[in-house]
Amino acid sequence: MVPLQLVDSFLLNYNVGQALLLGFVLATVGMLPLKSQRLLGINTIVFGLVFALTPQSLVPIHYLFLGLALLVVGPLLYTTATD
């Protein structure tokens, strides 16, 4: 178990957008062994919503644009997936 102070001191150097981006990358890499394009599309849509709905007082504006791009790419991944 990692002490809470260690996690807090690590996260103080980064903003919320960077932490969310790390979560998105780790979730995507963790999902790759499943080889499911539909799950990848759902993951992309969910993180697109999270990035788009995060208050702009917490993150720079470019994370909003990343969220909008993920909201476009996510449904494309989902609908082009084969069964």
Protein backbone atom coordinates (compact mmCIF):
# COMPACT_ATOMS: atom_id res chain seq x y z
CA MET A 1 0.00 0.00 0.00
CA VAL A 2 1.33 3.43 -0.98
CA PRO A 3 1.13 6.13 1.71
CA LEU A 4 -1.28 8.94 0.89
CA GLN A 5 1.38 11.60 1.42
CA LEU A 6 3.51 10.06 -1.35
CA VAL A 7 0.60 10.14 -3.80
CA ASP A 8 -0.27 13.69 -2.77
CA SER A 9 3.29 14.95 -3.18
CA PHE A 10 3.43 13.34 -6.64
CA LEU A 11 0.11 14.84 -7.81
CA LEU A 12 0.91 18.35 -6.60
CA ASN A 13 3.34 18.74 -9.51
CA TYR A 14 0.63 18.08 -12.12
CA ASN A 15 -2.78 19.51 -12.99
CA VAL A 16 -6.05 17.59 -13.21
CA GLY A 17 -5.85 17.28 -16.99
CA GLN A 18 -2.49 15.55 -16.84
CA ALA A 19 -3.76 13.12 -14.22
CA LEU A 20 -6.84 12.36 -16.37
CA LEU A 21 -4.64 11.87 -19.41
CA LEU A 22 -2.50 9.40 -17.47
CA GLY A 23 -5.68 7.56 -16.44
CA PHE A 24 -6.85 7.44 -20.05
CA VAL A 25 -3.51 6.07 -21.27
CA LEU A 26 -3.34 3.46 -18.49
CA ALA A 27 -6.96 2.37 -19.08
CA THR A 28 -6.34 2.09 -22.82
CA VAL A 29 -3.14 0.09 -22.39
CA GLY A 30 -4.85 -2.12 -19.82
CA MET A 31 -7.69 -2.79 -22.25
CA LEU A 32 -5.48 -3.73 -25.22
CA PRO A 33 -5.01 -7.41 -24.21
CA LEU A 34 -8.79 -7.84 -24.45
CA LYS A 35 -8.61 -7.02 -28.19
CA SER A 36 -12.09 -5.51 -28.18
CA GLN A 37 -12.60 -2.50 -30.40
CA ARG A 38 -16.03 -1.87 -28.87
CA LEU A 39 -14.57 -1.56 -25.38
CA LEU A 40 -11.89 0.73 -26.74
CA GLY A 41 -14.62 2.89 -28.30
CA ILE A 42 -16.59 3.00 -25.05
CA ASN A 43 -13.43 3.91 -23.12
CA THR A 44 -12.68 6.69 -25.60
CA ILE A 45 -16.23 8.07 -25.36
CA VAL A 46 -16.21 8.05 -21.55
CA PHE A 47 -12.87 9.80 -21.28
CA GLY A 48 -13.97 12.25 -23.98
CA LEU A 49 -16.94 13.17 -21.81
CA VAL A 50 -14.74 13.48 -18.74
CA PHE A 51 -12.28 15.76 -20.55
CA ALA A 52 -15.10 17.84 -22.07
CA LEU A 53 -16.98 18.25 -18.78
CA THR A 54 -13.98 19.02 -16.56
CA PRO A 55 -14.22 22.65 -15.40
CA GLN A 56 -11.87 24.95 -17.27
CA SER A 57 -10.71 26.51 -14.01
CA LEU A 58 -8.94 23.20 -13.24
CA VAL A 59 -7.36 22.40 -16.63
CA PRO A 60 -6.04 24.32 -19.65
CA ILE A 61 -8.34 24.76 -22.66
CA HIS A 62 -6.56 22.20 -24.83
CA TYR A 63 -7.99 19.37 -22.71
CA LEU A 64 -11.47 20.50 -23.79
CA PHE A 65 -10.41 20.09 -27.41
CA LEU A 66 -8.93 16.68 -26.62
CA GLY A 67 -12.28 15.70 -25.10
CA LEU A 68 -14.15 16.86 -28.19
CA ALA A 69 -11.77 14.92 -30.44
CA LEU A 70 -12.23 11.80 -28.33
CA LEU A 71 -16.00 12.26 -28.56
CA VAL A 72 -15.69 12.16 -32.35
CA VAL A 73 -13.25 9.23 -32.51
CA GLY A 74 -15.00 7.08 -29.88
CA PRO A 75 -18.27 6.47 -31.76
CA LEU A 76 -16.28 5.79 -34.94
CA LEU A 77 -14.31 3.09 -33.13
CA TYR A 78 -17.49 1.62 -31.70
CA THR A 79 -19.47 1.52 -34.93
CA THR A 80 -16.64 0.13 -37.06
CA ALA A 81 -15.98 -2.75 -34.65
CA THR A 82 -16.70 -6.22 -35.93
CA ASP A 83 -18.40 -8.82 -33.76
